[in-house]
Amino acid sequence: MSDDHAPGCVVFHYNAVDEVTEALRALRRSVLGHPVAAQALFASLVQEGRRFSRTDSGAEWLARLEGSELVERVRVIWDGLPLRTFDDDDQVVLPTAIVEAIVRAATDPSVADRVQEVLEDGIKGVPQ
């Protein structure tokens, strides 16, 4: 224990960066592995958020969060993971971006090779 800490203070060390990275990878795997469920969850959260924003308490929270550093960090996560593919329309079952990606892949003559590559990456333990 260094002299920076009060006597009797227990200091725990962990690698928060690794935990955050692993949590982001797990989120990405969940979203890509269950796109229909993720779409439904996203649409529900959007609808609930919109209902809440119309209340006095919701308007207060909206004012607090506008321009906040936390919201900017969430935007980085949102833009960096496949989250922006989701639609706020609760009638959408599968995100359009995923359907479009499947159609684009299907028009590629080498799609079988690409699918094999992805499968092999997963088997080798390459982070998804």
N, C-alpha and C. Protein backbone atom coordinates (compact mmCIF):
# COMPACT_ATOMS: atom_id res chain seq x y z
N MET A 1 0.86 -1.17 0.00
CA MET A 1 0.00 0.00 0.00
C MET A 1 0.90 1.23 0.00
N SER A 2 0.57 2.23 -0.82
CA SER A 2 1.39 3.43 -0.88
C SER A 2 0.97 4.41 0.21
N ASP A 3 1.76 5.46 0.36
CA ASP A 3 1.48 6.47 1.39
C ASP A 3 0.31 7.37 1.01
N ASP A 4 -0.23 7.23 -0.21
CA ASP A 4 -1.33 8.09 -0.67
C ASP A 4 -2.64 7.76 0.04
N HIS A 5 -2.73 6.60 0.67
CA HIS A 5 -4.00 6.14 1.22
C HIS A 5 -3.97 6.21 2.74
N ALA A 6 -5.15 6.42 3.29
CA ALA A 6 -5.29 6.50 4.74
C ALA A 6 -4.93 5.16 5.37
N PRO A 7 -4.37 5.19 6.59
CA PRO A 7 -4.05 3.94 7.27
C PRO A 7 -5.30 3.08 7.41
N GLY A 8 -5.14 1.81 7.14
CA GLY A 8 -6.26 0.88 7.26
C GLY A 8 -7.14 0.85 6.01
N CYS A 9 -6.84 1.69 5.05
CA CYS A 9 -7.63 1.73 3.81
C CYS A 9 -7.24 0.56 2.92
N VAL A 10 -8.22 -0.15 2.42
CA VAL A 10 -7.96 -1.25 1.51
C VAL A 10 -8.11 -0.72 0.09
N VAL A 11 -7.12 -0.95 -0.73
CA VAL A 11 -7.14 -0.48 -2.11
C VAL A 11 -7.27 -1.67 -3.04
N PHE A 12 -8.26 -1.64 -3.88
CA PHE A 12 -8.46 -2.70 -4.86
C PHE A 12 -8.01 -2.19 -6.22
N HIS A 13 -7.29 -3.00 -6.93
CA HIS A 13 -6.85 -2.64 -8.27
C HIS A 13 -7.49 -3.61 -9.27
N TYR A 14 -8.03 -3.05 -10.31
CA TYR A 14 -8.57 -3.88 -11.38
C TYR A 14 -8.42 -3.11 -12.67
N ASN A 15 -8.52 -3.80 -13.74
CA ASN A 15 -8.36 -3.17 -15.02
C ASN A 15 -9.74 -2.83 -15.57
N ALA A 16 -10.20 -1.61 -15.28
CA ALA A 16 -11.52 -1.18 -15.71
C ALA A 16 -11.63 -1.13 -17.23
N VAL A 17 -10.53 -0.84 -17.90
CA VAL A 17 -10.56 -0.78 -19.35
C VAL A 17 -10.94 -2.14 -19.93
N ASP A 18 -10.34 -3.21 -19.41
CA ASP A 18 -10.67 -4.55 -19.90
C ASP A 18 -12.13 -4.89 -19.63
N GLU A 19 -12.65 -4.50 -18.47
CA GLU A 19 -14.04 -4.78 -18.13
C GLU A 19 -14.98 -4.03 -19.06
N VAL A 20 -14.68 -2.78 -19.34
CA VAL A 20 -15.51 -1.98 -20.24
C VAL A 20 -15.45 -2.57 -21.65
N THR A 21 -14.26 -2.90 -22.10
CA THR A 21 -14.11 -3.48 -23.44
C THR A 21 -14.90 -4.77 -23.55
N GLU A 22 -14.79 -5.62 -22.55
CA GLU A 22 -15.52 -6.89 -22.59
C GLU A 22 -17.03 -6.64 -22.54
N ALA A 23 -17.48 -5.68 -21.77
CA ALA A 23 -18.92 -5.36 -21.73
C ALA A 23 -19.41 -4.87 -23.09
N LEU A 24 -18.60 -4.05 -23.76
CA LEU A 24 -18.98 -3.56 -25.10
C LEU A 24 -18.99 -4.70 -26.11
N ARG A 25 -18.04 -5.62 -26.00
CA ARG A 25 -18.04 -6.78 -26.89
C ARG A 25 -19.28 -7.65 -26.64
N ALA A 26 -19.63 -7.83 -25.38
CA ALA A 26 -20.81 -8.63 -25.04
C ALA A 26 -22.08 -7.97 -25.59
N LEU A 27 -22.15 -6.65 -25.47
CA LEU A 27 -23.30 -5.93 -26.01
C LEU A 27 -23.38 -6.13 -27.52
N ARG A 28 -22.26 -6.00 -28.19
CA ARG A 28 -22.23 -6.18 -29.65
C ARG A 28 -22.65 -7.59 -30.03
N ARG A 29 -22.11 -8.59 -29.32
CA ARG A 29 -22.48 -9.98 -29.61
C ARG A 29 -23.98 -10.21 -29.39
N SER A 30 -24.51 -9.63 -28.33
CA SER A 30 -25.95 -9.80 -28.03
C SER A 30 -26.82 -9.18 -29.11
N VAL A 31 -26.45 -7.97 -29.52
CA VAL A 31 -27.23 -7.27 -30.53
C VAL A 31 -27.18 -8.02 -31.86
N LEU A 32 -25.98 -8.43 -32.26
CA LEU A 32 -25.85 -9.14 -33.53
C LEU A 32 -26.41 -10.56 -33.46
N GLY A 33 -26.35 -11.16 -32.30
CA GLY A 33 -26.84 -12.52 -32.15
C GLY A 33 -28.35 -12.62 -32.02
N HIS A 34 -28.96 -11.52 -31.61
CA HIS A 34 -30.42 -11.52 -31.38
C HIS A 34 -31.03 -10.22 -31.93
N PRO A 35 -30.91 -9.99 -33.23
CA PRO A 35 -31.34 -8.70 -33.78
C PRO A 35 -32.83 -8.43 -33.64
N VAL A 36 -33.67 -9.44 -33.71
CA VAL A 36 -35.11 -9.21 -33.58
C VAL A 36 -35.44 -8.78 -32.15
N ALA A 37 -34.85 -9.46 -31.18
CA ALA A 37 -35.08 -9.09 -29.78
C ALA A 37 -34.50 -7.71 -29.49
N ALA A 38 -33.32 -7.43 -30.03
CA ALA A 38 -32.70 -6.12 -29.82
C ALA A 38 -33.54 -5.02 -30.44
N GLN A 39 -34.11 -5.27 -31.63
CA GLN A 39 -34.98 -4.29 -32.28
C GLN A 39 -36.20 -4.01 -31.42
N ALA A 40 -36.82 -5.07 -30.91
CA ALA A 40 -38.01 -4.90 -30.07
C ALA A 40 -37.69 -4.13 -28.80
N LEU A 41 -36.56 -4.46 -28.18
CA LEU A 41 -36.13 -3.76 -26.97
C LEU A 41 -35.87 -2.29 -27.26
N PHE A 42 -35.16 -2.02 -28.35
CA PHE A 42 -34.85 -0.64 -28.72
C PHE A 42 -36.13 0.16 -28.95
N ALA A 43 -37.05 -0.38 -29.74
CA ALA A 43 -38.30 0.35 -30.03
C ALA A 43 -39.09 0.61 -28.75
N SER A 44 -39.11 -0.37 -27.84
CA SER A 44 -39.81 -0.19 -26.56
C SER A 44 -39.18 0.92 -25.73
N LEU A 45 -37.85 0.90 -25.66
CA LEU A 45 -37.15 1.94 -24.89
C LEU A 45 -37.38 3.33 -25.48
N VAL A 46 -37.37 3.43 -26.79
CA VAL A 46 -37.62 4.72 -27.44
C VAL A 46 -39.03 5.22 -27.10
N GLN A 47 -40.01 4.34 -27.24
CA GLN A 47 -41.39 4.74 -26.95
C GLN A 47 -41.55 5.16 -25.49
N GLU A 48 -40.97 4.39 -24.58
CA GLU A 48 -41.03 4.73 -23.15
C GLU A 48 -40.34 6.05 -22.88
N GLY A 49 -39.18 6.25 -23.50
CA GLY A 49 -38.46 7.52 -23.33
C GLY A 49 -39.26 8.71 -23.82
N ARG A 50 -39.93 8.54 -24.94
CA ARG A 50 -40.76 9.64 -25.47
C ARG A 50 -41.93 9.94 -24.55
N ARG A 51 -42.56 8.88 -24.03
CA ARG A 51 -43.66 9.11 -23.07
C ARG A 51 -43.14 9.85 -21.83
N PHE A 52 -42.00 9.39 -21.31
CA PHE A 52 -41.43 10.02 -20.12
C PHE A 52 -41.05 11.47 -20.38
N SER A 53 -40.54 11.76 -21.57
CA SER A 53 -40.10 13.13 -21.87
C SER A 53 -41.26 14.12 -21.90
N ARG A 54 -42.48 13.61 -22.04
CA ARG A 54 -43.65 14.50 -22.05
C ARG A 54 -44.14 14.83 -20.64
N THR A 55 -43.54 14.19 -19.63
CA THR A 55 -43.92 14.50 -18.24
C THR A 55 -43.03 15.63 -17.73
N ASP A 56 -43.43 16.24 -16.62
CA ASP A 56 -42.61 17.31 -16.03
C ASP A 56 -41.24 16.79 -15.62
N SER A 57 -41.23 15.62 -14.99
CA SER A 57 -39.96 15.02 -14.56
C SER A 57 -39.09 14.70 -15.77
N GLY A 58 -39.71 14.17 -16.82
CA GLY A 58 -38.96 13.85 -18.04
C GLY A 58 -38.37 15.08 -18.69
N ALA A 59 -39.12 16.18 -18.69
CA ALA A 59 -38.62 17.43 -19.26
C ALA A 59 -37.42 17.95 -18.46
N GLU A 60 -37.48 17.77 -17.13
CA GLU A 60 -36.34 18.16 -16.28
C GLU A 60 -35.10 17.35 -16.64
N TRP A 61 -35.28 16.03 -16.76
CA TRP A 61 -34.14 15.18 -17.11
C TRP A 61 -33.58 15.51 -18.48
N LEU A 62 -34.46 15.78 -19.42
CA LEU A 62 -34.01 16.13 -20.76
C LEU A 62 -33.15 17.39 -20.71
N ALA A 63 -33.59 18.38 -19.95
CA ALA A 63 -32.81 19.62 -19.82
C ALA A 63 -31.45 19.35 -19.18
N ARG A 64 -31.42 18.48 -18.18
CA ARG A 64 -30.15 18.16 -17.51
C ARG A 64 -29.18 17.43 -18.43
N LEU A 65 -29.72 16.54 -19.25
CA LEU A 65 -28.87 15.69 -20.08
C LEU A 65 -28.40 16.35 -21.37
N GLU A 66 -29.11 17.35 -21.84
CA GLU A 66 -28.73 18.02 -23.09
C GLU A 66 -27.33 18.60 -22.96
N GLY A 67 -26.47 18.20 -23.87
CA GLY A 67 -25.10 18.70 -23.88
C GLY A 67 -24.19 18.09 -22.83
N SER A 68 -24.66 17.06 -22.12
CA SER A 68 -23.83 16.48 -21.07
C SER A 68 -22.74 15.60 -21.66
N GLU A 69 -21.66 15.47 -20.93
CA GLU A 69 -20.54 14.62 -21.34
C GLU A 69 -20.98 13.15 -21.38
N LEU A 70 -21.85 12.77 -20.46
CA LEU A 70 -22.35 11.40 -20.42
C LEU A 70 -23.09 11.05 -21.71
N VAL A 71 -23.94 11.96 -22.16
CA VAL A 71 -24.69 11.71 -23.40
C VAL A 71 -23.74 11.60 -24.58
N GLU A 72 -22.70 12.41 -24.60
CA GLU A 72 -21.71 12.33 -25.68
C GLU A 72 -21.00 10.98 -25.66
N ARG A 73 -20.71 10.46 -24.48
CA ARG A 73 -20.07 9.14 -24.38
C ARG A 73 -21.01 8.05 -24.88
N VAL A 74 -22.29 8.17 -24.54
CA VAL A 74 -23.27 7.20 -25.02
C VAL A 74 -23.34 7.27 -26.54
N ARG A 75 -23.26 8.46 -27.09
CA ARG A 75 -23.30 8.61 -28.56
C ARG A 75 -22.11 7.89 -29.21
N VAL A 76 -20.95 7.95 -28.59
CA VAL A 76 -19.77 7.25 -29.11
C VAL A 76 -20.04 5.74 -29.15
N ILE A 77 -20.62 5.22 -28.07
CA ILE A 77 -20.96 3.79 -28.02
C ILE A 77 -21.99 3.48 -29.10
N TRP A 78 -23.01 4.31 -29.17
CA TRP A 78 -24.10 4.11 -30.13
C TRP A 78 -23.57 4.07 -31.56
N ASP A 79 -22.70 5.02 -31.89
CA ASP A 79 -22.18 5.11 -33.25
C ASP A 79 -21.14 4.03 -33.54
N GLY A 80 -20.43 3.59 -32.53
CA GLY A 80 -19.36 2.62 -32.74
C GLY A 80 -19.81 1.18 -32.78
N LEU A 81 -20.95 0.88 -32.19
CA LEU A 81 -21.49 -0.48 -32.20
C LEU A 81 -22.65 -0.51 -33.19
N PRO A 82 -23.15 -1.68 -33.48
CA PRO A 82 -24.22 -1.76 -34.49
C PRO A 82 -25.57 -1.28 -33.99
N LEU A 83 -25.59 -0.36 -33.05
CA LEU A 83 -26.84 0.09 -32.46
C LEU A 83 -27.63 1.04 -33.35
N ARG A 84 -26.92 1.78 -34.18
CA ARG A 84 -27.65 2.74 -35.01
C ARG A 84 -28.43 2.07 -36.13
N THR A 85 -28.35 0.76 -36.25
CA THR A 85 -29.13 0.06 -37.26
C THR A 85 -30.59 -0.08 -36.85
N PHE A 86 -30.90 0.17 -35.59
CA PHE A 86 -32.25 -0.07 -35.11
C PHE A 86 -33.19 1.07 -35.43
N ASP A 87 -34.47 0.71 -35.54
CA ASP A 87 -35.52 1.64 -35.93
C ASP A 87 -36.41 1.89 -34.73
N ASP A 88 -36.85 3.14 -34.55
CA ASP A 88 -37.70 3.45 -33.41
C ASP A 88 -39.17 3.06 -33.65
N ASP A 89 -39.48 2.56 -34.82
CA ASP A 89 -40.83 2.11 -35.15
C ASP A 89 -41.05 0.72 -34.55
N ASP A 90 -42.02 0.61 -33.64
CA ASP A 90 -42.23 -0.68 -32.98
C ASP A 90 -42.87 -1.73 -33.90
N GLN A 91 -43.22 -1.36 -35.12
CA GLN A 91 -43.75 -2.31 -36.09
C GLN A 91 -42.63 -3.01 -36.89
N VAL A 92 -41.42 -2.46 -36.80
CA VAL A 92 -40.28 -3.05 -37.50
C VAL A 92 -39.80 -4.26 -36.71
N VAL A 93 -39.70 -5.40 -37.39
CA VAL A 93 -39.29 -6.63 -36.72
C VAL A 93 -37.78 -6.81 -36.79
N LEU A 94 -37.21 -6.65 -37.98
CA LEU A 94 -35.77 -6.81 -38.18
C LEU A 94 -35.24 -5.50 -38.74
N PRO A 95 -34.21 -4.94 -38.14
CA PRO A 95 -33.69 -3.65 -38.61
C PRO A 95 -33.36 -3.68 -40.10
N THR A 96 -33.79 -2.64 -40.80
CA THR A 96 -33.58 -2.53 -42.24
C THR A 96 -32.12 -2.66 -42.62
N ALA A 97 -31.23 -2.08 -41.83
CA ALA A 97 -29.80 -2.15 -42.15
C ALA A 97 -29.30 -3.58 -42.17
N ILE A 98 -29.83 -4.42 -41.31
CA ILE A 98 -29.41 -5.83 -41.29
C ILE A 98 -29.95 -6.54 -42.53
N VAL A 99 -31.20 -6.28 -42.88
CA VAL A 99 -31.78 -6.89 -44.08
C VAL A 99 -30.98 -6.45 -45.31
N GLU A 100 -30.66 -5.16 -45.39
CA GLU A 100 -29.88 -4.65 -46.52
C GLU A 100 -28.50 -5.31 -46.58
N ALA A 101 -27.87 -5.51 -45.44
CA ALA A 101 -26.56 -6.17 -45.41
C ALA A 101 -26.65 -7.60 -45.91
N ILE A 102 -27.71 -8.29 -45.55
CA ILE A 102 -27.91 -9.67 -46.02
C ILE A 102 -28.09 -9.68 -47.53
N VAL A 103 -28.88 -8.76 -48.05
CA VAL A 103 -29.11 -8.69 -49.50
C VAL A 103 -27.80 -8.36 -50.22
N ARG A 104 -27.03 -7.39 -49.70
CA ARG A 104 -25.74 -7.05 -50.32
C ARG A 104 -24.81 -8.26 -50.31
N ALA A 105 -24.77 -8.97 -49.19
CA ALA A 105 -23.90 -10.14 -49.09
C ALA A 105 -24.33 -11.22 -50.07
N ALA A 106 -25.64 -11.39 -50.23
CA ALA A 106 -26.15 -12.43 -51.12
C ALA A 106 -25.80 -12.15 -52.58
N THR A 107 -25.58 -10.88 -52.92
CA THR A 107 -25.23 -10.55 -54.32
C THR A 107 -23.74 -10.69 -54.58
N ASP A 108 -22.96 -10.96 -53.55
CA ASP A 108 -21.52 -11.12 -53.69
C ASP A 108 -21.21 -12.58 -54.05
N PRO A 109 -20.59 -12.81 -55.21
CA PRO A 109 -20.30 -14.19 -55.62
C PRO A 109 -19.40 -14.95 -54.63
N SER A 110 -18.62 -14.22 -53.85
CA SER A 110 -17.72 -14.89 -52.90
C SER A 110 -18.31 -14.96 -51.49
N VAL A 111 -19.62 -14.88 -51.38
CA VAL A 111 -20.25 -14.85 -50.06
C VAL A 111 -19.93 -16.09 -49.24
N ALA A 112 -19.85 -17.25 -49.86
CA ALA A 112 -19.54 -18.48 -49.11
C ALA A 112 -18.18 -18.38 -48.45
N ASP A 113 -17.20 -17.82 -49.17
CA ASP A 113 -15.86 -17.65 -48.60
C ASP A 113 -15.89 -16.66 -47.43
N ARG A 114 -16.66 -15.61 -47.59
CA ARG A 114 -16.75 -14.60 -46.52
C ARG A 114 -17.42 -15.16 -45.27
N VAL A 115 -18.46 -15.92 -45.46
CA VAL A 115 -19.13 -16.55 -44.32
C VAL A 115 -18.18 -17.50 -43.61
N GLN A 116 -17.43 -18.26 -44.38
CA GLN A 116 -16.45 -19.18 -43.79
C GLN A 116 -15.41 -18.41 -42.98
N GLU A 117 -14.95 -17.27 -43.51
CA GLU A 117 -13.99 -16.42 -42.79
C GLU A 117 -14.55 -15.99 -41.44
N VAL A 118 -15.79 -15.53 -41.45
CA VAL A 118 -16.43 -15.07 -40.21
C VAL A 118 -16.55 -16.21 -39.21
N LEU A 119 -16.95 -17.38 -39.70
CA LEU A 119 -17.08 -18.54 -38.82
C LEU A 119 -15.73 -18.93 -38.23
N GLU A 120 -14.68 -18.92 -39.05
CA GLU A 120 -13.35 -19.27 -38.57
C GLU A 120 -12.84 -18.25 -37.55
N ASP A 121 -13.13 -16.98 -37.77
CA ASP A 121 -12.72 -15.95 -36.81
C ASP A 121 -13.36 -16.21 -35.45
N GLY A 122 -14.65 -16.57 -35.47
CA GLY A 122 -15.35 -16.87 -34.23
C GLY A 122 -14.77 -18.08 -33.53
N ILE A 123 -14.39 -19.08 -34.28
CA ILE A 123 -13.82 -20.30 -33.72
C ILE A 123 -12.45 -20.02 -33.11
N LYS A 124 -11.67 -19.17 -33.76
CA LYS A 124 -10.33 -18.85 -33.26
C LYS A 124 -10.37 -17.98 -32.02
N GLY A 125 -11.55 -17.47 -31.67
CA GLY A 125 -11.66 -16.62 -30.48
C GLY A 125 -11.37 -15.17 -30.75
N VAL A 126 -11.40 -14.77 -32.01
CA VAL A 126 -11.22 -13.36 -32.33
C VAL A 126 -12.41 -12.60 -31.77
N PRO A 127 -12.18 -11.51 -31.02
CA PRO A 127 -13.30 -10.76 -30.45
C PRO A 127 -14.26 -10.30 -31.55
N GLN A 128 -15.53 -10.54 -31.31
CA GLN A 128 -16.56 -10.17 -32.29
C GLN A 128 -17.09 -8.79 -32.03
